[in-house]
Amino acid sequence: MKQTFRQRLWKISRWFIALFFLMLAFRLLYGYVVADATHEAGLSNRFFITLDNVKKITPPTIESGFIE
């Protein structure tokens, strides 16, 4: 018996839906398990230490004595 277009479309759709859920489950597991394992407690402390190395922009000075 020959498959109709609708049957082929349904069969392909089921594979794509299954692949989507498989990839979603892998992404969720990988995101939570690996991120928690490599999370460092001192991450926020390093953020503030690296801010000291950022170049600070000074406001322009008025040399002529008046504002245009």
N, C-alpha and C. Protein backbone atom coordinates (compact mmCIF):
# COMPACT_ATOMS: atom_id res chain seq x y z
N MET A 1 0.84 -1.17 0.00
CA MET A 1 0.00 0.00 0.00
C MET A 1 0.89 1.24 0.00
N LYS A 2 0.59 2.17 -0.87
CA LYS A 2 1.38 3.37 -1.02
C LYS A 2 1.00 4.39 0.07
N GLN A 3 2.03 5.05 0.62
CA GLN A 3 1.77 6.06 1.66
C GLN A 3 1.28 7.35 1.02
N THR A 4 0.35 7.98 1.67
CA THR A 4 -0.13 9.27 1.17
C THR A 4 0.76 10.37 1.71
N PHE A 5 0.57 11.55 1.15
CA PHE A 5 1.36 12.70 1.59
C PHE A 5 1.14 13.00 3.06
N ARG A 6 -0.10 12.91 3.49
CA ARG A 6 -0.44 13.20 4.89
C ARG A 6 0.23 12.21 5.85
N GLN A 7 0.31 10.95 5.47
CA GLN A 7 0.97 9.94 6.32
C GLN A 7 2.48 10.20 6.40
N ARG A 8 3.08 10.54 5.26
CA ARG A 8 4.52 10.84 5.28
C ARG A 8 4.81 12.09 6.11
N LEU A 9 3.95 13.10 5.96
CA LEU A 9 4.13 14.34 6.72
C LEU A 9 4.00 14.07 8.23
N TRP A 10 3.05 13.26 8.62
CA TRP A 10 2.85 12.93 10.03
C TRP A 10 4.05 12.15 10.57
N LYS A 11 4.59 11.24 9.78
CA LYS A 11 5.74 10.44 10.21
C LYS A 11 6.97 11.32 10.39
N ILE A 12 7.22 12.22 9.45
CA ILE A 12 8.37 13.13 9.56
C ILE A 12 8.17 14.10 10.73
N SER A 13 6.96 14.58 10.92
CA SER A 13 6.67 15.50 12.02
C SER A 13 6.94 14.85 13.37
N ARG A 14 6.57 13.59 13.51
CA ARG A 14 6.83 12.89 14.78
C ARG A 14 8.32 12.80 15.06
N TRP A 15 9.14 12.55 14.03
CA TRP A 15 10.59 12.50 14.22
C TRP A 15 11.15 13.86 14.66
N PHE A 16 10.67 14.92 14.02
CA PHE A 16 11.14 16.25 14.39
C PHE A 16 10.70 16.64 15.80
N ILE A 17 9.49 16.28 16.18
CA ILE A 17 9.00 16.57 17.53
C ILE A 17 9.82 15.80 18.56
N ALA A 18 10.08 14.54 18.28
CA ALA A 18 10.90 13.72 19.20
C ALA A 18 12.31 14.28 19.30
N LEU A 19 12.89 14.69 18.18
CA LEU A 19 14.23 15.28 18.19
C LEU A 19 14.25 16.58 18.98
N PHE A 20 13.21 17.40 18.83
CA PHE A 20 13.11 18.65 19.57
C PHE A 20 13.10 18.40 21.08
N PHE A 21 12.26 17.47 21.53
CA PHE A 21 12.18 17.20 22.96
C PHE A 21 13.46 16.56 23.49
N LEU A 22 14.10 15.75 22.70
CA LEU A 22 15.37 15.15 23.10
C LEU A 22 16.44 16.23 23.28
N MET A 23 16.52 17.14 22.32
CA MET A 23 17.50 18.23 22.42
C MET A 23 17.16 19.18 23.57
N LEU A 24 15.88 19.44 23.80
CA LEU A 24 15.47 20.29 24.91
C LEU A 24 15.86 19.66 26.25
N ALA A 25 15.61 18.37 26.40
CA ALA A 25 15.97 17.69 27.64
C ALA A 25 17.49 17.70 27.84
N PHE A 26 18.25 17.46 26.79
CA PHE A 26 19.71 17.50 26.89
C PHE A 26 20.18 18.88 27.28
N ARG A 27 19.60 19.92 26.68
CA ARG A 27 20.00 21.30 26.99
C ARG A 27 19.70 21.65 28.44
N LEU A 28 18.55 21.26 28.93
CA LEU A 28 18.20 21.55 30.31
C LEU A 28 19.12 20.81 31.28
N LEU A 29 19.35 19.54 31.02
CA LEU A 29 20.23 18.77 31.89
C LEU A 29 21.65 19.31 31.85
N TYR A 30 22.16 19.58 30.67
CA TYR A 30 23.52 20.08 30.52
C TYR A 30 23.66 21.46 31.16
N GLY A 31 22.67 22.31 30.97
CA GLY A 31 22.73 23.67 31.51
C GLY A 31 22.73 23.71 33.02
N TYR A 32 21.96 22.87 33.65
CA TYR A 32 21.89 22.90 35.10
C TYR A 32 22.99 22.08 35.77
N VAL A 33 23.30 20.93 35.23
CA VAL A 33 24.28 20.05 35.88
C VAL A 33 25.69 20.60 35.70
N VAL A 34 26.08 20.94 34.49
CA VAL A 34 27.44 21.40 34.23
C VAL A 34 27.65 22.80 34.81
N ALA A 35 26.65 23.67 34.71
CA ALA A 35 26.80 25.02 35.24
C ALA A 35 26.96 24.99 36.76
N ASP A 36 26.23 24.13 37.44
CA ASP A 36 26.36 24.04 38.89
C ASP A 36 27.70 23.44 39.30
N ALA A 37 28.22 22.53 38.52
CA ALA A 37 29.49 21.89 38.86
C ALA A 37 30.66 22.84 38.70
N THR A 38 30.58 23.78 37.76
CA THR A 38 31.70 24.69 37.51
C THR A 38 31.50 26.06 38.14
N HIS A 39 30.42 26.24 38.86
CA HIS A 39 30.13 27.55 39.46
C HIS A 39 31.12 27.82 40.59
N GLU A 40 31.66 29.01 40.56
CA GLU A 40 32.61 29.40 41.60
C GLU A 40 31.96 30.39 42.54
N ALA A 41 32.24 30.27 43.82
CA ALA A 41 31.64 31.16 44.80
C ALA A 41 32.22 32.57 44.70
N GLY A 42 33.46 32.69 44.27
CA GLY A 42 34.10 33.99 44.22
C GLY A 42 33.91 34.74 42.92
N LEU A 43 32.92 34.38 42.15
CA LEU A 43 32.73 35.01 40.86
C LEU A 43 32.39 36.49 41.01
N SER A 44 31.53 36.83 41.95
CA SER A 44 31.15 38.23 42.11
C SER A 44 32.31 39.05 42.66
N ASN A 45 33.17 38.45 43.46
CA ASN A 45 34.33 39.17 43.97
C ASN A 45 35.29 39.52 42.85
N ARG A 46 35.48 38.61 41.92
CA ARG A 46 36.37 38.88 40.79
C ARG A 46 35.80 39.98 39.90
N PHE A 47 34.49 40.10 39.83
CA PHE A 47 33.88 41.14 39.02
C PHE A 47 34.28 42.52 39.53
N PHE A 48 34.22 42.72 40.83
CA PHE A 48 34.56 44.03 41.38
C PHE A 48 36.06 44.30 41.33
N ILE A 49 36.87 43.26 41.40
CA ILE A 49 38.31 43.45 41.29
C ILE A 49 38.68 43.88 39.88
N THR A 50 38.04 43.31 38.88
CA THR A 50 38.35 43.67 37.50
C THR A 50 37.82 45.05 37.15
N LEU A 51 36.87 45.57 37.90
CA LEU A 51 36.38 46.92 37.63
C LEU A 51 37.45 47.97 37.92
N ASP A 52 38.41 47.66 38.77
CA ASP A 52 39.47 48.60 39.07
C ASP A 52 40.35 48.86 37.84
N ASN A 53 40.42 47.91 36.93
CA ASN A 53 41.26 48.05 35.76
C ASN A 53 40.57 48.78 34.60
N VAL A 54 39.30 49.12 34.76
CA VAL A 54 38.56 49.77 33.69
C VAL A 54 38.95 51.24 33.64
N LYS A 55 39.15 51.74 32.44
CA LYS A 55 39.53 53.14 32.28
C LYS A 55 38.32 54.02 32.60
N LYS A 56 38.53 54.97 33.46
CA LYS A 56 37.45 55.87 33.87
C LYS A 56 37.43 57.07 32.93
N ILE A 57 36.26 57.46 32.50
CA ILE A 57 36.11 58.60 31.60
C ILE A 57 35.85 59.83 32.45
N THR A 58 36.68 60.83 32.28
CA THR A 58 36.50 62.07 33.04
C THR A 58 35.64 63.02 32.22
N PRO A 59 34.80 63.80 32.89
CA PRO A 59 33.96 64.75 32.15
C PRO A 59 34.83 65.85 31.54
N PRO A 60 34.38 66.41 30.45
CA PRO A 60 35.16 67.47 29.83
C PRO A 60 35.24 68.71 30.73
N THR A 61 36.35 69.39 30.65
CA THR A 61 36.53 70.60 31.45
C THR A 61 36.23 71.83 30.60
N ILE A 62 35.78 72.84 31.27
CA ILE A 62 35.48 74.10 30.58
C ILE A 62 36.68 75.00 30.77
N GLU A 63 37.43 75.21 29.71
CA GLU A 63 38.65 76.00 29.81
C GLU A 63 38.40 77.48 29.56
N SER A 64 37.39 77.82 28.80
CA SER A 64 37.17 79.22 28.47
C SER A 64 36.44 79.95 29.57
N GLY A 65 35.80 79.27 30.48
CA GLY A 65 35.12 79.93 31.59
C GLY A 65 33.64 80.12 31.38
N PHE A 66 33.11 79.82 30.21
CA PHE A 66 31.69 79.94 29.98
C PHE A 66 31.19 78.75 29.17
N ILE A 67 29.90 78.48 29.26
CA ILE A 67 29.29 77.34 28.56
C ILE A 67 28.60 77.87 27.31
N GLU A 68 28.86 77.26 26.20
CA GLU A 68 28.22 77.67 24.95
C GLU A 68 26.89 77.04 24.79
